[in-house]
Amino acid sequence: MAEVTGSDPALTGALLGSVSASLAGADPPYTPDEVREFGRKFHAICTWAAKDRRERPTPVELQNHIGKLRAGRPQAVPLRPVRVAADVESNMARPDLPMAATDPPGGPHGRPPDPHPGDPEP
């Protein structure tokens, strides 16, 4: 961990020991190879660090964000299918589908629906 963070164990030994104990307590424990991999992928995982032009993670950043290595990429939420003009046109040609959703305001002919269908018009 001192190698990845650039920390001096003589100065930050207590912090490194605390973070090491935390990583060892994970299920399964984090390995030295995973710690090194986090160091290689630091800017991809902690994008703000690249903006700050920092080359190495702090021990606390390592502890807080190493789990993202195992988590992998977030799963995309499935999206509803995109309706294209051809879909809409083919649905409009189907007499078995109601047209209310595609009618303009005021009904299909631009006027409000007849409140008393079947009555003679005035």
Protein backbone atom coordinates (compact mmCIF):
# COMPACT_ATOMS: atom_id res chain seq x y z
CA MET A 1 0.00 0.00 0.00
CA ALA A 2 2.87 2.38 0.70
CA GLU A 3 4.09 1.71 -2.85
CA VAL A 4 0.75 2.65 -4.43
CA THR A 5 -0.01 5.67 -2.25
CA GLY A 6 3.56 6.96 -2.05
CA SER A 7 3.19 7.15 1.73
CA ASP A 8 6.18 6.89 4.05
CA PRO A 9 5.43 4.10 6.54
CA ALA A 10 7.64 5.80 9.14
CA LEU A 11 5.39 8.86 9.04
CA THR A 12 1.97 7.38 8.25
CA GLY A 13 2.37 3.86 9.64
CA ALA A 14 -0.73 4.10 11.85
CA LEU A 15 -2.93 5.17 8.94
CA LEU A 16 -1.46 2.55 6.61
CA GLY A 17 -1.95 -0.10 9.29
CA SER A 18 -5.57 0.92 9.79
CA VAL A 19 -6.33 0.85 6.06
CA SER A 20 -4.45 -2.45 5.65
CA ALA A 21 -6.50 -4.00 8.44
CA SER A 22 -9.68 -2.78 6.77
CA LEU A 23 -8.67 -4.26 3.39
CA ALA A 24 -7.66 -7.54 5.06
CA GLY A 25 -11.05 -7.68 6.79
CA ALA A 26 -12.99 -7.58 3.52
CA ASP A 27 -14.64 -10.78 2.32
CA PRO A 28 -12.58 -11.91 0.50
CA PRO A 29 -9.60 -9.87 1.65
CA TYR A 30 -8.04 -7.50 -0.89
CA THR A 31 -4.74 -8.74 -2.27
CA PRO A 32 -1.57 -6.76 -2.97
CA ASP A 33 -2.25 -7.27 -6.70
CA GLU A 34 -5.69 -5.64 -6.32
CA VAL A 35 -4.11 -2.70 -4.47
CA ARG A 36 -1.61 -2.29 -7.32
CA GLU A 37 -4.40 -2.57 -9.89
CA PHE A 38 -6.27 0.19 -8.07
CA GLY A 39 -3.13 2.31 -8.32
CA ARG A 40 -2.94 1.70 -12.09
CA LYS A 41 -6.64 2.52 -12.57
CA PHE A 42 -6.72 5.36 -10.04
CA HIS A 43 -7.59 8.12 -12.51
CA ALA A 44 -10.31 6.05 -14.16
CA ILE A 45 -11.90 5.23 -10.79
CA CYS A 46 -11.34 8.58 -9.05
CA THR A 47 -11.72 11.00 -11.95
CA TRP A 48 -11.43 14.11 -9.77
CA ALA A 49 -7.82 13.17 -8.99
CA ALA A 50 -6.82 13.54 -12.64
CA LYS A 51 -8.29 17.04 -12.62
CA ASP A 52 -6.22 17.80 -9.51
CA ARG A 53 -3.18 16.35 -11.32
CA ARG A 54 -2.49 13.92 -8.51
CA GLU A 55 -0.62 10.80 -9.55
CA ARG A 56 -1.37 8.62 -6.52
CA PRO A 57 -4.34 7.90 -4.29
CA THR A 58 -4.31 8.71 -0.60
CA PRO A 59 -4.65 5.74 1.74
CA VAL A 60 -8.22 6.81 2.53
CA GLU A 61 -9.12 7.06 -1.17
CA LEU A 62 -7.74 3.58 -1.66
CA GLN A 63 -9.85 2.29 1.23
CA ASN A 64 -13.01 4.06 0.13
CA HIS A 65 -12.86 3.29 -3.59
CA ILE A 66 -11.04 -0.03 -4.09
CA GLY A 67 -14.40 -1.79 -4.00
CA LYS A 68 -15.17 -0.32 -7.40
CA LEU A 69 -12.60 -2.70 -8.90
CA ARG A 70 -14.66 -5.70 -7.85
CA ALA A 71 -17.97 -4.07 -8.57
CA GLY A 72 -17.10 -3.63 -12.24
CA ARG A 73 -19.11 -1.38 -14.50
CA PRO A 74 -22.59 -0.45 -13.34
CA GLN A 75 -25.35 -2.35 -15.08
CA ALA A 76 -27.27 -0.22 -17.54
CA VAL A 77 -30.95 0.20 -16.83
CA PRO A 78 -32.92 -1.33 -19.67
CA LEU A 79 -34.54 1.38 -21.73
CA ARG A 80 -37.93 1.27 -23.33
CA PRO A 81 -37.69 0.62 -27.05
CA VAL A 82 -37.45 3.74 -29.15
CA ARG A 83 -40.46 4.36 -31.34
CA VAL A 84 -39.55 5.46 -34.80
CA ALA A 85 -41.85 7.04 -37.38
CA ALA A 86 -42.30 3.69 -39.15
CA ASP A 87 -43.61 2.14 -35.91
CA VAL A 88 -46.09 4.95 -35.41
CA GLU A 89 -47.28 4.77 -39.02
CA SER A 90 -47.72 0.99 -38.89
CA ASN A 91 -49.70 1.30 -35.65
CA MET A 92 -51.92 3.99 -37.19
CA ALA A 93 -52.83 1.58 -39.98
CA ARG A 94 -54.02 -1.05 -37.48
CA PRO A 95 -57.77 -0.82 -36.86
CA ASP A 96 -57.48 -2.93 -33.70
CA LEU A 97 -55.49 -0.21 -31.87
CA PRO A 98 -57.22 2.81 -30.31
CA MET A 99 -56.22 6.09 -31.89
CA ALA A 100 -56.93 8.34 -28.91
CA ALA A 101 -53.25 8.64 -28.05
CA THR A 102 -52.43 9.95 -31.53
CA ASP A 103 -55.50 12.15 -32.06
CA PRO A 104 -54.86 15.90 -31.84
CA PRO A 105 -56.48 17.91 -29.05
CA GLY A 106 -60.16 18.39 -29.81
CA GLY A 107 -60.64 14.98 -31.38
CA PRO A 108 -59.59 13.44 -34.69
CA HIS A 109 -61.20 16.23 -36.77
CA GLY A 110 -60.08 19.17 -34.64
CA ARG A 111 -63.39 19.53 -32.80
CA PRO A 112 -64.47 18.23 -29.41
CA PRO A 113 -66.11 14.81 -29.30
CA ASP A 114 -69.88 14.74 -29.52
CA PRO A 115 -71.28 14.53 -25.96
CA HIS A 116 -74.46 12.83 -27.27
CA PRO A 117 -73.53 10.49 -30.10
CA GLY A 118 -76.48 9.57 -32.27
CA ASP A 119 -78.40 12.79 -31.66
CA PRO A 120 -79.05 14.91 -34.76
CA GLU A 121 -76.68 17.82 -35.16
CA PRO A 122 -78.16 21.27 -34.44
